[in-house]
C-alpha atoms as a PDB file:
ATOM      1  CA  MET A   1      48.072 -14.819  23.841  1.00  0.00           C
ATOM      2  CA  ILE A   2      49.437 -11.680  25.322  1.00  0.00           C
ATOM      3  CA  ASP A   3      47.676  -9.693  22.642  1.00  0.00           C
ATOM      4  CA  GLU A   4      44.442 -11.107  23.700  1.00  0.00           C
ATOM      5  CA  THR A   5      44.857 -10.540  27.202  1.00  0.00           C
ATOM      6  CA  LEU A   6      45.887  -6.848  26.476  1.00  0.00           C
ATOM      7  CA  ASN A   7      42.594  -6.541  24.266  1.00  0.00           C
ATOM      8  CA  ASN A   8      40.457  -7.951  27.051  1.00  0.00           C
ATOM      9  CA  ALA A   9      42.227  -5.529  29.745  1.00  0.00           C
ATOM     10  CA  GLY A  10      41.517  -2.661  27.367  1.00  0.00           C
ATOM     11  CA  ASP A  11      37.755  -3.464  26.861  1.00  0.00           C
ATOM     12  CA  MET A  12      37.390  -3.786  30.536  1.00  0.00           C
ATOM     13  CA  MET A  13      39.059  -0.164  30.920  1.00  0.00           C
ATOM     14  CA  ASP A  14      36.611   1.071  28.321  1.00  0.00           C
ATOM     15  CA  ARG A  15      33.683  -0.033  30.118  1.00  0.00           C
ATOM     16  CA  SER A  16      35.084   1.545  33.219  1.00  0.00           C
ATOM     17  CA  VAL A  17      35.399   4.731  31.455  1.00  0.00           C
ATOM     18  CA  GLU A  18      31.729   4.527  29.782  1.00  0.00           C
ATOM     19  CA  ALA A  19      30.284   3.691  33.308  1.00  0.00           C
ATOM     20  CA  ALA A  20      32.145   6.608  34.763  1.00  0.00           C
ATOM     21  CA  ARG A  21      30.566   8.956  32.035  1.00  0.00           C
ATOM     22  CA  GLU A  22      27.195   7.407  32.765  1.00  0.00           C
ATOM     23  CA  ASP A  23      27.636   7.993  36.465  1.00  0.00           C
ATOM     24  CA  PHE A  24      28.652  11.733  35.665  1.00  0.00           C
ATOM     25  CA  ALA A  25      25.550  12.111  33.733  1.00  0.00           C
ATOM     26  CA  THR A  26      23.321  11.367  36.911  1.00  0.00           C
ATOM     27  CA  VAL A  27      25.021  14.375  38.891  1.00  0.00           C
ATOM     28  CA  ARG A  28      22.834  17.443  38.206  1.00  0.00           C
ATOM     29  CA  THR A  29      24.252  20.470  36.849  1.00  0.00           C
ATOM     30  CA  GLY A  30      21.836  23.608  36.396  1.00  0.00           C
ATOM     31  CA  ARG A  31      19.022  22.039  34.813  1.00  0.00           C
ATOM     32  CA  ALA A  32      16.397  19.404  35.733  1.00  0.00           C
ATOM     33  CA  ASN A  33      17.078  16.446  33.565  1.00  0.00           C
ATOM     34  CA  PRO A  34      15.470  12.752  33.809  1.00  0.00           C
ATOM     35  CA  GLY A  35      18.805  11.420  33.421  1.00  0.00           C
ATOM     36  CA  LEU A  36      19.511  12.090  36.978  1.00  0.00           C
ATOM     37  CA  TYR A  37      17.136   9.202  37.735  1.00  0.00           C
ATOM     38  CA  SER A  38      18.757   6.698  35.531  1.00  0.00           C
ATOM     39  CA  LYS A  39      20.562   5.001  38.349  1.00  0.00           C
ATOM     40  CA  VAL A  40      17.453   5.120  40.681  1.00  0.00           C
ATOM     41  CA  MET A  41      16.043   1.654  41.574  1.00  0.00           C
ATOM     42  CA  VAL A  42      12.668   1.065  42.856  1.00  0.00           C
ATOM     43  CA  MET A  43      11.555  -1.800  44.961  1.00  0.00           C
ATOM     44  CA  TYR A  44       8.627  -3.036  42.713  1.00  0.00           C
ATOM     45  CA  TYR A  45       6.673  -6.079  43.747  1.00  0.00           C
ATOM     46  CA  GLY A  46       9.830  -7.287  45.816  1.00  0.00           C
ATOM     47  CA  SER A  47      12.484  -6.833  43.144  1.00  0.00           C
ATOM     48  CA  PRO A  48      14.760  -3.684  42.549  1.00  0.00           C
ATOM     49  CA  THR A  49      13.695  -2.265  39.069  1.00  0.00           C
ATOM     50  CA  PRO A  50      14.987   0.939  37.457  1.00  0.00           C
ATOM     51  CA  LEU A  51      12.686   3.938  37.878  1.00  0.00           C
ATOM     52  CA  GLN A  52      12.973   4.620  34.189  1.00  0.00           C
ATOM     53  CA  GLN A  53      10.974   1.373  33.436  1.00  0.00           C
ATOM     54  CA  LEU A  54       8.281   2.200  35.730  1.00  0.00           C
ATOM     55  CA  ALA A  55       7.332   5.652  34.918  1.00  0.00           C
ATOM     56  CA  GLN A  56       7.195   8.405  32.036  1.00  0.00           C
ATOM     57  CA  PHE A  57       9.370  11.748  32.761  1.00  0.00           C
ATOM     58  CA  ALA A  58       8.351  15.237  31.659  1.00  0.00           C
ATOM     59  CA  THR A  59      10.367  18.611  32.558  1.00  0.00           C
ATOM     60  CA  PRO A  60       7.756  21.262  32.296  1.00  0.00           C
ATOM     61  CA  ASP A  61      10.307  23.747  33.466  1.00  0.00           C
ATOM     62  CA  ALA A  62      14.063  24.144  34.297  1.00  0.00           C
ATOM     63  CA  ARG A  63      13.789  22.927  37.872  1.00  0.00           C
ATOM     64  CA  THR A  64      10.894  20.555  37.729  1.00  0.00           C
ATOM     65  CA  ILE A  65      10.537  17.038  36.598  1.00  0.00           C
ATOM     66  CA  LEU A  66       6.927  15.288  36.612  1.00  0.00           C
ATOM     67  CA  ILE A  67       7.333  11.504  36.941  1.00  0.00           C
ATOM     68  CA  THR A  68       4.038   9.750  35.986  1.00  0.00           C
ATOM     69  CA  PRO A  69       4.059   5.981  36.899  1.00  0.00           C
ATOM     70  CA  PHE A  70       2.749   3.585  34.387  1.00  0.00           C
ATOM     71  CA  ASP A  71       1.011   1.596  37.305  1.00  0.00           C
ATOM     72  CA  SER A  72      -0.419   3.838  40.078  1.00  0.00           C
ATOM     73  CA  SER A  73       0.019   1.359  42.675  1.00  0.00           C
ATOM     74  CA  ALA A  74       3.866   1.920  42.514  1.00  0.00           C
ATOM     75  CA  LEU A  75       3.536   5.715  43.325  1.00  0.00           C
ATOM     76  CA  ARG A  76       4.540   5.474  46.985  1.00  0.00           C
ATOM     77  CA  ASP A  77       7.483   2.889  46.202  1.00  0.00           C
ATOM     78  CA  ILE A  78       8.918   5.415  43.606  1.00  0.00           C
ATOM     79  CA  GLU A  79       8.494   8.362  46.008  1.00  0.00           C
ATOM     80  CA  LYS A  80      10.436   6.368  48.570  1.00  0.00           C
ATOM     81  CA  ALA A  81      13.156   5.455  46.253  1.00  0.00           C
ATOM     82  CA  LEU A  82      13.338   9.090  44.994  1.00  0.00           C
ATOM     83  CA  SER A  83      13.501  10.349  48.647  1.00  0.00           C
ATOM     84  CA  ASP A  84      16.354   7.717  49.609  1.00  0.00           C
ATOM     85  CA  SER A  85      18.176   8.732  46.381  1.00  0.00           C
ATOM     86  CA  GLU A  86      21.530  10.873  46.495  1.00  0.00           C
ATOM     87  CA  ILE A  87      19.839  13.340  44.285  1.00  0.00           C
ATOM     88  CA  GLY A  88      18.717  15.525  46.966  1.00  0.00           C
ATOM     89  CA  ALA A  89      15.216  16.514  45.966  1.00  0.00           C
ATOM     90  CA  ASN A  90      11.918  16.115  47.782  1.00  0.00           C
ATOM     91  CA  PRO A  91       9.371  14.474  45.807  1.00  0.00           C
ATOM     92  CA  SER A  92       5.750  15.451  46.446  1.00  0.00           C
ATOM     93  CA  ASN A  93       2.799  13.112  45.331  1.00  0.00           C
ATOM     94  CA  ASP A  94      -0.625  14.251  44.182  1.00  0.00           C
ATOM     95  CA  GLY A  95      -2.154  10.793  43.898  1.00  0.00           C
ATOM     96  CA  LYS A  96      -1.417  10.606  40.026  1.00  0.00           C
ATOM     97  CA  VAL A  97       1.938  12.108  39.391  1.00  0.00           C
ATOM     98  CA  ILE A  98       5.293  12.645  41.629  1.00  0.00           C
ATOM     99  CA  ARG A  99       6.511  16.243  41.333  1.00  0.00           C
ATOM    100  CA  VAL A 100      10.206  16.746  42.092  1.00  0.00           C
ATOM    101  CA  VAL A 101      11.140  20.290  42.293  1.00  0.00           C
ATOM    102  CA  MET A 102      15.023  20.621  42.336  1.00  0.00           C
ATOM    103  CA  PRO A 103      16.399  22.941  44.834  1.00  0.00           C
ATOM    104  CA  GLU A 104      18.245  25.937  43.757  1.00  0.00           C
ATOM    105  CA  LEU A 105      21.937  25.103  43.458  1.00  0.00           C
ATOM    106  CA  THR A 106      23.789  26.762  46.360  1.00  0.00           C
ATOM    107  CA  GLU A 107      27.619  26.859  46.481  1.00  0.00           C
ATOM    108  CA  GLU A 108      27.363  24.281  49.443  1.00  0.00           C
ATOM    109  CA  ARG A 109      25.223  21.794  47.351  1.00  0.00           C
ATOM    110  CA  ARG A 110      27.451  22.232  44.324  1.00  0.00           C
ATOM    111  CA  LYS A 111      30.471  21.225  46.537  1.00  0.00           C
ATOM    112  CA  GLU A 112      28.531  18.101  47.601  1.00  0.00           C
ATOM    113  CA  TYR A 113      27.875  17.233  43.923  1.00  0.00           C
ATOM    114  CA  VAL A 114      31.637  17.845  43.321  1.00  0.00           C
ATOM    115  CA  LYS A 115      32.449  15.356  46.000  1.00  0.00           C
ATOM    116  CA  ILE A 116      30.163  12.905  44.583  1.00  0.00           C
ATOM    117  CA  VAL A 117      31.678  13.076  41.284  1.00  0.00           C
ATOM    118  CA  ARG A 118      35.098  12.853  42.627  1.00  0.00           C
ATOM    119  CA  GLY A 119      33.932   9.488  44.327  1.00  0.00           C
ATOM    120  CA  LYS A 120      32.448   8.354  41.228  1.00  0.00           C
ATOM    121  CA  ALA A 121      35.696   8.953  39.383  1.00  0.00           C
ATOM    122  CA  GLU A 122      37.908   7.315  42.034  1.00  0.00           C
ATOM    123  CA  ASP A 123      35.602   4.249  41.836  1.00  0.00           C
ATOM    124  CA  ALA A 124      36.199   4.165  37.981  1.00  0.00           C
ATOM    125  CA  ARG A 125      39.874   4.570  38.526  1.00  0.00           C
ATOM    126  CA  VAL A 126      39.904   1.725  40.805  1.00  0.00           C
ATOM    127  CA  SER A 127      38.024  -0.362  38.382  1.00  0.00           C
ATOM    128  CA  VAL A 128      40.599   0.644  35.457  1.00  0.00           C
ATOM    129  CA  ARG A 129      43.503  -0.571  38.047  1.00  0.00           C
ATOM    130  CA  ASN A 130      41.751  -3.747  38.890  1.00  0.00           C
ATOM    131  CA  ALA A 131      41.496  -4.487  35.113  1.00  0.00           C
ATOM    132  CA  ARG A 132      45.178  -3.832  34.961  1.00  0.00           C
ATOM    133  CA  ARG A 133      45.867  -6.049  37.879  1.00  0.00           C
ATOM    134  CA  LYS A 134      43.887  -8.858  36.366  1.00  0.00           C
ATOM    135  CA  ALA A 135      45.698  -8.449  33.061  1.00  0.00           C
ATOM    136  CA  LYS A 136      49.266  -8.492  34.692  1.00  0.00           C
ATOM    137  CA  GLU A 137      48.469 -11.659  36.840  1.00  0.00           C
ATOM    138  CA  ALA A 138      47.469 -13.238  33.445  1.00  0.00           C
ATOM    139  CA  VAL A 139      50.671 -12.177  31.857  1.00  0.00           C
ATOM    140  CA  ASP A 140      52.793 -13.185  34.645  1.00  0.00           C
ATOM    141  CA  LYS A 141      51.163 -16.676  34.604  1.00  0.00           C
ATOM    142  CA  LEU A 142      52.016 -16.980  30.874  1.00  0.00           C
ATOM    143  CA  VAL A 143      55.545 -16.167  31.460  1.00  0.00           C
ATOM    144  CA  LYS A 144      56.027 -18.659  34.301  1.00  0.00           C
ATOM    145  CA  ASP A 145      54.064 -21.381  32.301  1.00  0.00           C
ATOM    146  CA  LYS A 146      56.881 -23.771  30.909  1.00  0.00           C
ATOM    147  CA  ASP A 147      54.575 -24.883  27.972  1.00  0.00           C
ATOM    148  CA  SER A 148      53.671 -21.242  26.693  1.00  0.00           C
ATOM    149  CA  GLU A 149      55.921 -19.630  24.273  1.00  0.00           C
ATOM    150  CA  VAL A 150      55.977 -16.460  26.165  1.00  0.00           C
ATOM    151  CA  SER A 151      59.402 -15.007  27.192  1.00  0.00           C
ATOM    152  CA  GLU A 152      60.162 -12.555  29.981  1.00  0.00           C
ATOM    153  CA  ASP A 153      61.003 -10.035  27.538  1.00  0.00           C
ATOM    154  CA  ASP A 154      57.649 -10.434  26.134  1.00  0.00           C
ATOM    155  CA  GLY A 155      56.196 -10.305  29.486  1.00  0.00           C
ATOM    156  CA  ALA A 156      58.042  -7.060  30.057  1.00  0.00           C
ATOM    157  CA  ARG A 157      56.890  -5.548  26.923  1.00  0.00           C
ATOM    158  CA  ALA A 158      53.293  -6.504  27.603  1.00  0.00           C
ATOM    159  CA  GLU A 159      53.627  -4.890  31.105  1.00  0.00           C
ATOM    160  CA  LYS A 160      54.729  -1.722  29.643  1.00  0.00           C
ATOM    161  CA  ASP A 161      51.912  -1.735  27.064  1.00  0.00           C
ATOM    162  CA  LEU A 162      49.439  -2.496  30.044  1.00  0.00           C
ATOM    163  CA  ASP A 163      50.789   0.517  32.058  1.00  0.00           C
ATOM    164  CA  ALA A 164      50.274   2.855  28.889  1.00  0.00           C
ATOM    165  CA  LEU A 165      46.845   1.654  28.465  1.00  0.00           C
ATOM    166  CA  THR A 166      46.175   2.063  32.224  1.00  0.00           C
ATOM    167  CA  LYS A 167      47.590   5.539  32.126  1.00  0.00           C
ATOM    168  CA  LYS A 168      45.528   6.540  28.995  1.00  0.00           C
ATOM    169  CA  HIS A 169      42.200   5.432  30.685  1.00  0.00           C
ATOM    170  CA  ILE A 170      42.853   6.938  33.948  1.00  0.00           C
ATOM    171  CA  GLU A 171      43.707  10.474  32.067  1.00  0.00           C
ATOM    172  CA  ILE A 172      40.452   9.976  30.357  1.00  0.00           C
ATOM    173  CA  ILE A 173      38.512   9.752  33.708  1.00  0.00           C
ATOM    174  CA  ASP A 174      40.592  12.601  34.943  1.00  0.00           C
ATOM    175  CA  HIS A 175      39.550  14.966  32.085  1.00  0.00           C
ATOM    176  CA  MET A 176      35.990  13.945  32.346  1.00  0.00           C
ATOM    177  CA  LEU A 177      36.192  14.670  36.092  1.00  0.00           C
ATOM    178  CA  LYS A 178      37.824  18.060  35.389  1.00  0.00           C
ATOM    179  CA  ARG A 179      35.238  18.903  32.843  1.00  0.00           C
ATOM    180  CA  LYS A 180      32.283  18.048  35.237  1.00  0.00           C
ATOM    181  CA  GLU A 181      33.733  19.886  38.313  1.00  0.00           C
ATOM    182  CA  ALA A 182      34.078  23.015  36.159  1.00  0.00           C
ATOM    183  CA  GLU A 183      30.377  22.365  34.895  1.00  0.00           C
ATOM    184  CA  LEU A 184      29.219  21.979  38.447  1.00  0.00           C
ATOM    185  CA  LEU A 185      30.925  25.058  39.900  1.00  0.00           C
ATOM    186  CA  GLU A 186      29.916  27.213  37.065  1.00  0.00           C
ATOM    187  CA  VAL A 187      27.217  29.696  38.376  1.00  0.00           C
END
């Protein structure tokens, strides 16, 4: 029973790390990348829809992304979603495609991106800690339950394992953050 609880906590923590990895990929470094827009949601016929389901992307050069909507009626909605996103680029619309020219990365903009990445890392750490808290509550409940055969020693051992698991996942997030910060600050 404890092993199952620890495995579930480990799976939840793994998902948090993977979500952080995906979030980090959406933050721009030196080159225009369609992956920057993977988290942008567009209000399409009244429901939020991922931009990548509504358009095709092309990168003709290092700082330009061309977004061609599959449905031309969604052009304005896509342009609005891009303007409202935290990516910091100004889209221009020529009636058929949306052209996004990424601004040159200034030192100030790089520092803004670092702040965004740190926020995403903290969100991932909180998610890992929440998984730990839920698992610890489950273990404590098993220890208190008279019908279960879980002793206090087993509970203490499980808590140590849980702490080690939490520490490992937080270290992974911190390592990813350090790499992404170095990548963003590299000129």
